[in-house]
PDB file of N, CA and C in Angstrom:
ATOM      1  N   MET A   1     -11.209 -24.046  21.733  1.00  0.00           N
ATOM      2  CA  MET A   1      -9.937 -23.358  21.843  1.00  0.00           C
ATOM      3  C   MET A   1      -9.560 -23.228  23.321  1.00  0.00           C
ATOM      4  N   LEU A   2      -8.327 -23.468  23.611  1.00  0.00           N
ATOM      5  CA  LEU A   2      -7.842 -23.354  24.985  1.00  0.00           C
ATOM      6  C   LEU A   2      -7.738 -21.896  25.410  1.00  0.00           C
ATOM      7  N   ASP A   3      -7.957 -21.658  26.688  1.00  0.00           N
ATOM      8  CA  ASP A   3      -7.715 -20.345  27.271  1.00  0.00           C
ATOM      9  C   ASP A   3      -6.201 -20.147  27.280  1.00  0.00           C
ATOM     10  N   TYR A   4      -5.722 -19.158  26.578  1.00  0.00           N
ATOM     11  CA  TYR A   4      -4.277 -18.968  26.432  1.00  0.00           C
ATOM     12  C   TYR A   4      -3.579 -18.879  27.782  1.00  0.00           C
ATOM     13  N   TYR A   5      -4.067 -18.013  28.673  1.00  0.00           N
ATOM     14  CA  TYR A   5      -3.415 -17.862  29.970  1.00  0.00           C
ATOM     15  C   TYR A   5      -3.640 -19.058  30.878  1.00  0.00           C
ATOM     16  N   GLY A   6      -4.742 -19.774  30.660  1.00  0.00           N
ATOM     17  CA  GLY A   6      -4.993 -20.974  31.441  1.00  0.00           C
ATOM     18  C   GLY A   6      -4.071 -22.108  31.062  1.00  0.00           C
ATOM     19  N   SER A   7      -3.471 -21.998  29.889  1.00  0.00           N
ATOM     20  CA  SER A   7      -2.560 -23.025  29.403  1.00  0.00           C
ATOM     21  C   SER A   7      -1.120 -22.766  29.838  1.00  0.00           C
ATOM     22  N   ILE A   8      -0.857 -21.593  30.379  1.00  0.00           N
ATOM     23  CA  ILE A   8       0.491 -21.233  30.825  1.00  0.00           C
ATOM     24  C   ILE A   8       0.547 -21.410  32.337  1.00  0.00           C
ATOM     25  N   ILE A   9       1.585 -22.061  32.786  1.00  0.00           N
ATOM     26  CA  ILE A   9       1.730 -22.367  34.214  1.00  0.00           C
ATOM     27  C   ILE A   9       2.701 -21.391  34.871  1.00  0.00           C
ATOM     28  N   LYS A  10       2.321 -20.920  36.039  1.00  0.00           N
ATOM     29  CA  LYS A  10       3.206 -20.118  36.891  1.00  0.00           C
ATOM     30  C   LYS A  10       3.821 -21.094  37.880  1.00  0.00           C
ATOM     31  N   ASN A  11       5.157 -21.214  37.851  1.00  0.00           N
ATOM     32  CA  ASN A  11       5.825 -22.207  38.692  1.00  0.00           C
ATOM     33  C   ASN A  11       6.145 -21.670  40.095  1.00  0.00           C
ATOM     34  N   GLU A  12       6.664 -22.538  40.926  1.00  0.00           N
ATOM     35  CA  GLU A  12       6.925 -22.211  42.330  1.00  0.00           C
ATOM     36  C   GLU A  12       7.832 -20.993  42.487  1.00  0.00           C
ATOM     37  N   ASN A  13       8.906 -20.930  41.706  1.00  0.00           N
ATOM     38  CA  ASN A  13       9.829 -19.790  41.823  1.00  0.00           C
ATOM     39  C   ASN A  13       9.153 -18.481  41.445  1.00  0.00           C
ATOM     40  N   GLU A  14       8.318 -18.516  40.421  1.00  0.00           N
ATOM     41  CA  GLU A  14       7.591 -17.315  40.009  1.00  0.00           C
ATOM     42  C   GLU A  14       6.588 -16.888  41.068  1.00  0.00           C
ATOM     43  N   ILE A  15       5.929 -17.855  41.672  1.00  0.00           N
ATOM     44  CA  ILE A  15       4.955 -17.571  42.733  1.00  0.00           C
ATOM     45  C   ILE A  15       5.652 -16.930  43.925  1.00  0.00           C
ATOM     46  N   ILE A  16       6.750 -17.540  44.369  1.00  0.00           N
ATOM     47  CA  ILE A  16       7.498 -17.010  45.513  1.00  0.00           C
ATOM     48  C   ILE A  16       8.001 -15.606  45.209  1.00  0.00           C
ATOM     49  N   SER A  17       8.554 -15.414  44.027  1.00  0.00           N
ATOM     50  CA  SER A  17       9.083 -14.109  43.638  1.00  0.00           C
ATOM     51  C   SER A  17       7.988 -13.041  43.627  1.00  0.00           C
ATOM     52  N   GLU A  18       6.839 -13.362  43.068  1.00  0.00           N
ATOM     53  CA  GLU A  18       5.755 -12.392  43.005  1.00  0.00           C
ATOM     54  C   GLU A  18       5.211 -12.056  44.391  1.00  0.00           C
ATOM     55  N   LEU A  19       5.110 -13.061  45.249  1.00  0.00           N
ATOM     56  CA  LEU A  19       4.634 -12.804  46.613  1.00  0.00           C
ATOM     57  C   LEU A  19       5.650 -11.971  47.398  1.00  0.00           C
ATOM     58  N   LEU A  20       6.930 -12.263  47.231  1.00  0.00           N
ATOM     59  CA  LEU A  20       7.962 -11.462  47.895  1.00  0.00           C
ATOM     60  C   LEU A  20       7.917 -10.013  47.404  1.00  0.00           C
ATOM     61  N   ASN A  21       7.718  -9.829  46.109  1.00  0.00           N
ATOM     62  CA  ASN A  21       7.628  -8.471  45.557  1.00  0.00           C
ATOM     63  C   ASN A  21       6.440  -7.716  46.132  1.00  0.00           C
ATOM     64  N   TYR A  22       5.340  -8.413  46.367  1.00  0.00           N
ATOM     65  CA  TYR A  22       4.158  -7.784  46.941  1.00  0.00           C
ATOM     66  C   TYR A  22       4.480  -7.171  48.312  1.00  0.00           C
ATOM     67  N   TYR A  23       5.287  -7.870  49.106  1.00  0.00           N
ATOM     68  CA  TYR A  23       5.589  -7.421  50.465  1.00  0.00           C
ATOM     69  C   TYR A  23       6.842  -6.554  50.551  1.00  0.00           C
ATOM     70  N   GLU A  24       7.503  -6.329  49.442  1.00  0.00           N
ATOM     71  CA  GLU A  24       8.788  -5.625  49.439  1.00  0.00           C
ATOM     72  C   GLU A  24       8.707  -4.241  50.074  1.00  0.00           C
ATOM     73  N   ASN A  25       7.671  -3.484  49.804  1.00  0.00           N
ATOM     74  CA  ASN A  25       7.558  -2.116  50.321  1.00  0.00           C
ATOM     75  C   ASN A  25       6.650  -2.009  51.539  1.00  0.00           C
ATOM     76  N   LYS A  26       6.410  -3.106  52.202  1.00  0.00           N
ATOM     77  CA  LYS A  26       5.491  -3.107  53.338  1.00  0.00           C
ATOM     78  C   LYS A  26       6.211  -3.266  54.682  1.00  0.00           C
ATOM     79  N   ASN A  27       7.507  -3.027  54.700  1.00  0.00           N
ATOM     80  CA  ASN A  27       8.296  -3.043  55.941  1.00  0.00           C
ATOM     81  C   ASN A  27       8.288  -4.377  56.666  1.00  0.00           C
ATOM     82  N   TYR A  28       8.252  -5.481  55.914  1.00  0.00           N
ATOM     83  CA  TYR A  28       8.389  -6.807  56.513  1.00  0.00           C
ATOM     84  C   TYR A  28       9.753  -7.359  56.150  1.00  0.00           C
ATOM     85  N   ASN A  29      10.291  -8.144  57.039  1.00  0.00           N
ATOM     86  CA  ASN A  29      11.555  -8.811  56.785  1.00  0.00           C
ATOM     87  C   ASN A  29      11.370  -9.819  55.650  1.00  0.00           C
ATOM     88  N   LYS A  30      12.197  -9.715  54.638  1.00  0.00           N
ATOM     89  CA  LYS A  30      12.071 -10.581  53.463  1.00  0.00           C
ATOM     90  C   LYS A  30      12.210 -12.057  53.839  1.00  0.00           C
ATOM     91  N   ASN A  31      13.125 -12.362  54.753  1.00  0.00           N
ATOM     92  CA  ASN A  31      13.311 -13.754  55.173  1.00  0.00           C
ATOM     93  C   ASN A  31      12.085 -14.287  55.914  1.00  0.00           C
ATOM     94  N   LEU A  32      11.449 -13.438  56.700  1.00  0.00           N
ATOM     95  CA  LEU A  32      10.225 -13.838  57.399  1.00  0.00           C
ATOM     96  C   LEU A  32       9.142 -14.199  56.383  1.00  0.00           C
ATOM     97  N   ILE A  33       8.943 -13.349  55.398  1.00  0.00           N
ATOM     98  CA  ILE A  33       7.932 -13.600  54.375  1.00  0.00           C
ATOM     99  C   ILE A  33       8.273 -14.864  53.602  1.00  0.00           C
ATOM    100  N   LYS A  34       9.532 -15.013  53.241  1.00  0.00           N
ATOM    101  CA  LYS A  34       9.950 -16.206  52.490  1.00  0.00           C
ATOM    102  C   LYS A  34       9.720 -17.471  53.318  1.00  0.00           C
ATOM    103  N   ASN A  35      10.024 -17.433  54.603  1.00  0.00           N
ATOM    104  CA  ASN A  35       9.793 -18.594  55.477  1.00  0.00           C
ATOM    105  C   ASN A  35       8.308 -18.923  55.576  1.00  0.00           C
ATOM    106  N   ILE A  36       7.476 -17.903  55.688  1.00  0.00           N
ATOM    107  CA  ILE A  36       6.028 -18.131  55.757  1.00  0.00           C
ATOM    108  C   ILE A  36       5.546 -18.769  54.457  1.00  0.00           C
ATOM    109  N   ILE A  37       5.992 -18.238  53.328  1.00  0.00           N
ATOM    110  CA  ILE A  37       5.601 -18.795  52.028  1.00  0.00           C
ATOM    111  C   ILE A  37       6.029 -20.254  51.928  1.00  0.00           C
ATOM    112  N   ASN A  38       7.277 -20.533  52.268  1.00  0.00           N
ATOM    113  CA  ASN A  38       7.780 -21.915  52.186  1.00  0.00           C
ATOM    114  C   ASN A  38       7.018 -22.854  53.117  1.00  0.00           C
ATOM    115  N   ASP A  39       6.678 -22.386  54.316  1.00  0.00           N
ATOM    116  CA  ASP A  39       5.887 -23.206  55.239  1.00  0.00           C
ATOM    117  C   ASP A  39       4.500 -23.492  54.669  1.00  0.00           C
ATOM    118  N   LEU A  40       3.875 -22.475  54.075  1.00  0.00           N
ATOM    119  CA  LEU A  40       2.551 -22.669  53.484  1.00  0.00           C
ATOM    120  C   LEU A  40       2.610 -23.619  52.289  1.00  0.00           C
ATOM    121  N   ILE A  41       3.696 -23.574  51.538  1.00  0.00           N
ATOM    122  CA  ILE A  41       3.869 -24.517  50.423  1.00  0.00           C
ATOM    123  C   ILE A  41       4.048 -25.936  50.967  1.00  0.00           C
ATOM    124  N   LYS A  42       4.854 -26.089  52.014  1.00  0.00           N
ATOM    125  CA  LYS A  42       5.057 -27.413  52.611  1.00  0.00           C
ATOM    126  C   LYS A  42       3.756 -27.998  53.156  1.00  0.00           C
ATOM    127  N   LYS A  43       2.889 -27.130  53.686  1.00  0.00           N
ATOM    128  CA  LYS A  43       1.597 -27.571  54.223  1.00  0.00           C
ATOM    129  C   LYS A  43       0.545 -27.715  53.118  1.00  0.00           C
ATOM    130  N   ASN A  44       0.947 -27.479  51.880  1.00  0.00           N
ATOM    131  CA  ASN A  44       0.047 -27.517  50.714  1.00  0.00           C
ATOM    132  C   ASN A  44      -1.084 -26.499  50.810  1.00  0.00           C
ATOM    133  N   GLU A  45      -0.865 -25.420  51.538  1.00  0.00           N
ATOM    134  CA  GLU A  45      -1.840 -24.334  51.586  1.00  0.00           C
ATOM    135  C   GLU A  45      -1.619 -23.367  50.432  1.00  0.00           C
ATOM    136  N   ILE A  46      -0.412 -23.376  49.892  1.00  0.00           N
ATOM    137  CA  ILE A  46      -0.086 -22.680  48.646  1.00  0.00           C
ATOM    138  C   ILE A  46       0.466 -23.745  47.716  1.00  0.00           C
ATOM    139  N   SER A  47      -0.091 -23.807  46.510  1.00  0.00           N
ATOM    140  CA  SER A  47       0.360 -24.809  45.539  1.00  0.00           C
ATOM    141  C   SER A  47       1.701 -24.406  44.937  1.00  0.00           C
ATOM    142  N   LYS A  48       2.376 -25.382  44.377  1.00  0.00           N
ATOM    143  CA  LYS A  48       3.666 -25.129  43.733  1.00  0.00           C
ATOM    144  C   LYS A  48       3.502 -24.588  42.323  1.00  0.00           C
ATOM    145  N   GLU A  49       2.302 -24.660  41.780  1.00  0.00           N
ATOM    146  CA  GLU A  49       2.050 -24.062  40.472  1.00  0.00           C
ATOM    147  C   GLU A  49       0.567 -23.751  40.302  1.00  0.00           C
ATOM    148  N   TYR A  50       0.317 -22.710  39.523  1.00  0.00           N
ATOM    149  CA  TYR A  50      -1.032 -22.276  39.180  1.00  0.00           C
ATOM    150  C   TYR A  50      -1.039 -21.891  37.708  1.00  0.00           C
ATOM    151  N   SER A  51      -2.212 -21.922  37.100  1.00  0.00           N
ATOM    152  CA  SER A  51      -2.315 -21.350  35.764  1.00  0.00           C
ATOM    153  C   SER A  51      -2.201 -19.833  35.927  1.00  0.00           C
ATOM    154  N   VAL A  52      -1.698 -19.164  34.912  1.00  0.00           N
ATOM    155  CA  VAL A  52      -1.542 -17.712  34.985  1.00  0.00           C
ATOM    156  C   VAL A  52      -2.894 -17.043  35.217  1.00  0.00           C
ATOM    157  N   SER A  53      -3.925 -17.485  34.503  1.00  0.00           N
ATOM    158  CA  SER A  53      -5.239 -16.859  34.675  1.00  0.00           C
ATOM    159  C   SER A  53      -5.803 -17.132  36.069  1.00  0.00           C
ATOM    160  N   GLY A  54      -5.648 -18.349  36.570  1.00  0.00           N
ATOM    161  CA  GLY A  54      -6.101 -18.671  37.920  1.00  0.00           C
ATOM    162  C   GLY A  54      -5.373 -17.847  38.966  1.00  0.00           C
ATOM    163  N   TRP A  55      -4.081 -17.649  38.757  1.00  0.00           N
ATOM    164  CA  TRP A  55      -3.270 -16.847  39.671  1.00  0.00           C
ATOM    165  C   TRP A  55      -3.775 -15.400  39.687  1.00  0.00           C
ATOM    166  N   MET A  56      -3.964 -14.840  38.504  1.00  0.00           N
ATOM    167  CA  MET A  56      -4.359 -13.432  38.412  1.00  0.00           C
ATOM    168  C   MET A  56      -5.755 -13.193  38.968  1.00  0.00           C
ATOM    169  N   VAL A  57      -6.665 -14.133  38.747  1.00  0.00           N
ATOM    170  CA  VAL A  57      -8.060 -13.919  39.129  1.00  0.00           C
ATOM    171  C   VAL A  57      -8.330 -14.324  40.576  1.00  0.00           C
ATOM    172  N   PHE A  58      -7.788 -15.450  41.014  1.00  0.00           N
ATOM    173  CA  PHE A  58      -8.152 -16.003  42.320  1.00  0.00           C
ATOM    174  C   PHE A  58      -6.992 -16.154  43.299  1.00  0.00           C
ATOM    175  N   PHE A  59      -5.992 -16.900  42.880  1.00  0.00           N
ATOM    176  CA  PHE A  59      -5.048 -17.468  43.843  1.00  0.00           C
ATOM    177  C   PHE A  59      -4.044 -16.497  44.420  1.00  0.00           C
ATOM    178  N   LYS A  60      -3.672 -15.449  43.691  1.00  0.00           N
ATOM    179  CA  LYS A  60      -2.731 -14.479  44.266  1.00  0.00           C
ATOM    180  C   LYS A  60      -3.332 -13.864  45.526  1.00  0.00           C
ATOM    181  N   LYS A  61      -4.585 -13.414  45.445  1.00  0.00           N
ATOM    182  CA  LYS A  61      -5.237 -12.813  46.610  1.00  0.00           C
ATOM    183  C   LYS A  61      -5.401 -13.827  47.739  1.00  0.00           C
ATOM    184  N   ILE A  62      -5.755 -15.050  47.389  1.00  0.00           N
ATOM    185  CA  ILE A  62      -5.904 -16.092  48.407  1.00  0.00           C
ATOM    186  C   ILE A  62      -4.572 -16.326  49.121  1.00  0.00           C
ATOM    187  N   CYS A  63      -3.482 -16.391  48.363  1.00  0.00           N
ATOM    188  CA  CYS A  63      -2.154 -16.605  48.961  1.00  0.00           C
ATOM    189  C   CYS A  63      -1.760 -15.426  49.845  1.00  0.00           C
ATOM    190  N   ILE A  64      -2.019 -14.205  49.384  1.00  0.00           N
ATOM    191  CA  ILE A  64      -1.709 -13.023  50.180  1.00  0.00           C
ATOM    192  C   ILE A  64      -2.525 -13.030  51.469  1.00  0.00           C
ATOM    193  N   ASP A  65      -3.786 -13.408  51.395  1.00  0.00           N
ATOM    194  CA  ASP A  65      -4.613 -13.498  52.605  1.00  0.00           C
ATOM    195  C   ASP A  65      -4.046 -14.522  53.590  1.00  0.00           C
ATOM    196  N   LYS A  66      -3.568 -15.640  53.081  1.00  0.00           N
ATOM    197  CA  LYS A  66      -2.974 -16.665  53.956  1.00  0.00           C
ATOM    198  C   LYS A  66      -1.696 -16.150  54.610  1.00  0.00           C
ATOM    199  N   ILE A  67      -0.875 -15.448  53.855  1.00  0.00           N
ATOM    200  CA  ILE A  67       0.360 -14.883  54.411  1.00  0.00           C
ATOM    201  C   ILE A  67       0.016 -13.824  55.456  1.00  0.00           C
ATOM    202  N   ASN A  68      -0.941 -12.965  55.147  1.00  0.00           N
ATOM    203  CA  ASN A  68      -1.363 -11.943  56.118  1.00  0.00           C
ATOM    204  C   ASN A  68      -1.876 -12.572  57.405  1.00  0.00           C
ATOM    205  N   ASN A  69      -2.611 -13.671  57.287  1.00  0.00           N
ATOM    206  CA  ASN A  69      -3.099 -14.382  58.457  1.00  0.00           C
ATOM    207  C   ASN A  69      -1.924 -14.889  59.307  1.00  0.00           C
ATOM    208  N   GLU A  70      -0.925 -15.442  58.659  1.00  0.00           N
ATOM    209  CA  GLU A  70       0.255 -15.920  59.393  1.00  0.00           C
ATOM    210  C   GLU A  70       1.002 -14.762  60.052  1.00  0.00           C
ATOM    211  N   LEU A  71       1.073 -13.622  59.377  1.00  0.00           N
ATOM    212  CA  LEU A  71       1.727 -12.449  59.959  1.00  0.00           C
ATOM    213  C   LEU A  71       0.966 -11.950  61.186  1.00  0.00           C
ATOM    214  N   GLU A  72      -0.351 -11.964  61.119  1.00  0.00           N
ATOM    215  CA  GLU A  72      -1.164 -11.567  62.273  1.00  0.00           C
ATOM    216  C   GLU A  72      -0.960 -12.523  63.441  1.00  0.00           C
ATOM    217  N   LYS A  73      -0.937 -13.819  63.144  1.00  0.00           N
ATOM    218  CA  LYS A  73      -0.696 -14.811  64.200  1.00  0.00           C
ATOM    219  C   LYS A  73       0.667 -14.590  64.833  1.00  0.00           C
ATOM    220  N   LYS A  74       1.669 -14.321  64.006  1.00  0.00           N
ATOM    221  CA  LYS A  74       3.016 -14.093  64.532  1.00  0.00           C
ATOM    222  C   LYS A  74       3.052 -12.858  65.426  1.00  0.00           C
ATOM    223  N   GLU A  75       2.360 -11.817  65.022  1.00  0.00           N
ATOM    224  CA  GLU A  75       2.315 -10.605  65.832  1.00  0.00           C
ATOM    225  C   GLU A  75       1.653 -10.870  67.186  1.00  0.00           C
ATOM    226  N   ILE A  76       0.574 -11.631  67.177  1.00  0.00           N
ATOM    227  CA  ILE A  76      -0.105 -11.993  68.424  1.00  0.00           C
ATOM    228  C   ILE A  76       0.829 -12.799  69.327  1.00  0.00           C
ATOM    229  N   ILE A  77       1.499 -13.766  68.741  1.00  0.00           N
ATOM    230  CA  ILE A  77       2.393 -14.628  69.526  1.00  0.00           C
ATOM    231  C   ILE A  77       3.585 -13.842  70.056  1.00  0.00           C
ATOM    232  N   ASP A  78       4.127 -12.931  69.252  1.00  0.00           N
ATOM    233  CA  ASP A  78       5.238 -12.100  69.730  1.00  0.00           C
ATOM    234  C   ASP A  78       4.818 -11.258  70.928  1.00  0.00           C
ATOM    235  N   THR A  79       3.626 -10.690  70.867  1.00  0.00           N
ATOM    236  CA  THR A  79       3.106  -9.893  71.978  1.00  0.00           C
ATOM    237  C   THR A  79       2.878 -10.777  73.200  1.00  0.00           C
ATOM    238  N   LEU A  80       2.302 -11.938  72.966  1.00  0.00           N
ATOM    239  CA  LEU A  80       2.065 -12.879  74.061  1.00  0.00           C
ATOM    240  C   LEU A  80       3.373 -13.314  74.702  1.00  0.00           C
ATOM    241  N   TYR A  81       4.380 -13.576  73.871  1.00  0.00           N
ATOM    242  CA  TYR A  81       5.677 -13.990  74.404  1.00  0.00           C
ATOM    243  C   TYR A  81       6.280 -12.891  75.290  1.00  0.00           C
ATOM    244  N   ASP A  82       6.096 -11.649  74.887  1.00  0.00           N
ATOM    245  CA  ASP A  82       6.594 -10.541  75.707  1.00  0.00           C
ATOM    246  C   ASP A  82       5.925 -10.525  77.076  1.00  0.00           C
ATOM    247  N   MET A  83       4.679 -11.009  77.119  1.00  0.00           N
ATOM    248  CA  MET A  83       3.927 -10.984  78.376  1.00  0.00           C
ATOM    249  C   MET A  83       4.225 -12.191  79.258  1.00  0.00           C
ATOM    250  N   ILE A  84       4.311 -13.386  78.672  1.00  0.00           N
ATOM    251  CA  ILE A  84       4.459 -14.580  79.510  1.00  0.00           C
ATOM    252  C   ILE A  84       5.826 -15.241  79.403  1.00  0.00           C
ATOM    253  N   ASN A  85       6.573 -14.939  78.367  1.00  0.00           N
ATOM    254  CA  ASN A  85       7.944 -15.403  78.218  1.00  0.00           C
ATOM    255  C   ASN A  85       8.082 -16.928  78.301  1.00  0.00           C
ATOM    256  N   ASP A  86       7.132 -17.648  77.706  1.00  0.00           N
ATOM    257  CA  ASP A  86       7.196 -19.108  77.664  1.00  0.00           C
ATOM    258  C   ASP A  86       6.952 -19.549  76.215  1.00  0.00           C
ATOM    259  N   ILE A  87       8.026 -19.896  75.538  1.00  0.00           N
ATOM    260  CA  ILE A  87       7.951 -20.200  74.110  1.00  0.00           C
ATOM    261  C   ILE A  87       7.102 -21.427  73.821  1.00  0.00           C
ATOM    262  N   ASP A  88       7.116 -22.413  74.707  1.00  0.00           N
ATOM    263  CA  ASP A  88       6.309 -23.618  74.490  1.00  0.00           C
ATOM    264  C   ASP A  88       4.818 -23.299  74.486  1.00  0.00           C
ATOM    265  N   VAL A  89       4.395 -22.503  75.430  1.00  0.00           N
ATOM    266  CA  VAL A  89       2.996 -22.099  75.492  1.00  0.00           C
ATOM    267  C   VAL A  89       2.638 -21.288  74.250  1.00  0.00           C
ATOM    268  N   CYS A  90       3.518 -20.369  73.864  1.00  0.00           N
ATOM    269  CA  CYS A  90       3.276 -19.536  72.681  1.00  0.00           C
ATOM    270  C   CYS A  90       3.166 -20.388  71.416  1.00  0.00           C
ATOM    271  N   ASN A  91       4.022 -21.375  71.281  1.00  0.00           N
ATOM    272  CA  ASN A  91       3.968 -22.247  70.105  1.00  0.00           C
ATOM    273  C   ASN A  91       2.679 -23.063  70.071  1.00  0.00           C
ATOM    274  N   LYS A  92       2.229 -23.531  71.226  1.00  0.00           N
ATOM    275  CA  LYS A  92       0.967 -24.279  71.274  1.00  0.00           C
ATOM    276  C   LYS A  92      -0.206 -23.388  70.890  1.00  0.00           C
ATOM    277  N   ILE A  93      -0.188 -22.159  71.360  1.00  0.00           N
ATOM    278  CA  ILE A  93      -1.250 -21.225  71.015  1.00  0.00           C
ATOM    279  C   ILE A  93      -1.200 -20.925  69.517  1.00  0.00           C
ATOM    280  N   TYR A  94      -0.018 -20.687  69.002  1.00  0.00           N
ATOM    281  CA  TYR A  94       0.154 -20.403  67.572  1.00  0.00           C
ATOM    282  C   TYR A  94      -0.412 -21.530  66.706  1.00  0.00           C
ATOM    283  N   ASP A  95      -0.147 -22.747  67.102  1.00  0.00           N
ATOM    284  CA  ASP A  95      -0.639 -23.898  66.343  1.00  0.00           C
ATOM    285  C   ASP A  95      -2.155 -24.019  66.377  1.00  0.00           C
ATOM    286  N   ASN A  96      -2.781 -23.422  67.383  1.00  0.00           N
ATOM    287  CA  ASN A  96      -4.229 -23.563  67.545  1.00  0.00           C
ATOM    288  C   ASN A  96      -5.032 -22.340  67.141  1.00  0.00           C
ATOM    289  N   ILE A  97      -4.365 -21.293  66.641  1.00  0.00           N
ATOM    290  CA  ILE A  97      -5.138 -20.139  66.157  1.00  0.00           C
ATOM    291  C   ILE A  97      -5.068 -20.038  64.656  1.00  0.00           C
TER     292      ILE A  97
END
């Protein structure tokens, strides 16, 4: 017998919506979060679909951790930019952390 929830797919729009909802009350700009999610999808770090059971057990937390990592990197780069005011250097550092 198939795992019922494993047979149901959560699509890209559902994934994006659920991740945006997670950050809704955390004082982050919705467009920033959406851009990070879309970038991670383009880099194949977040898949365009997951099984519902896989999402609930594993992948939602993994995706949130990846988004949090990107938010931390952005915060570091924003602080660095305030100090050195050179966007090229900041972008190179961002790409390497």
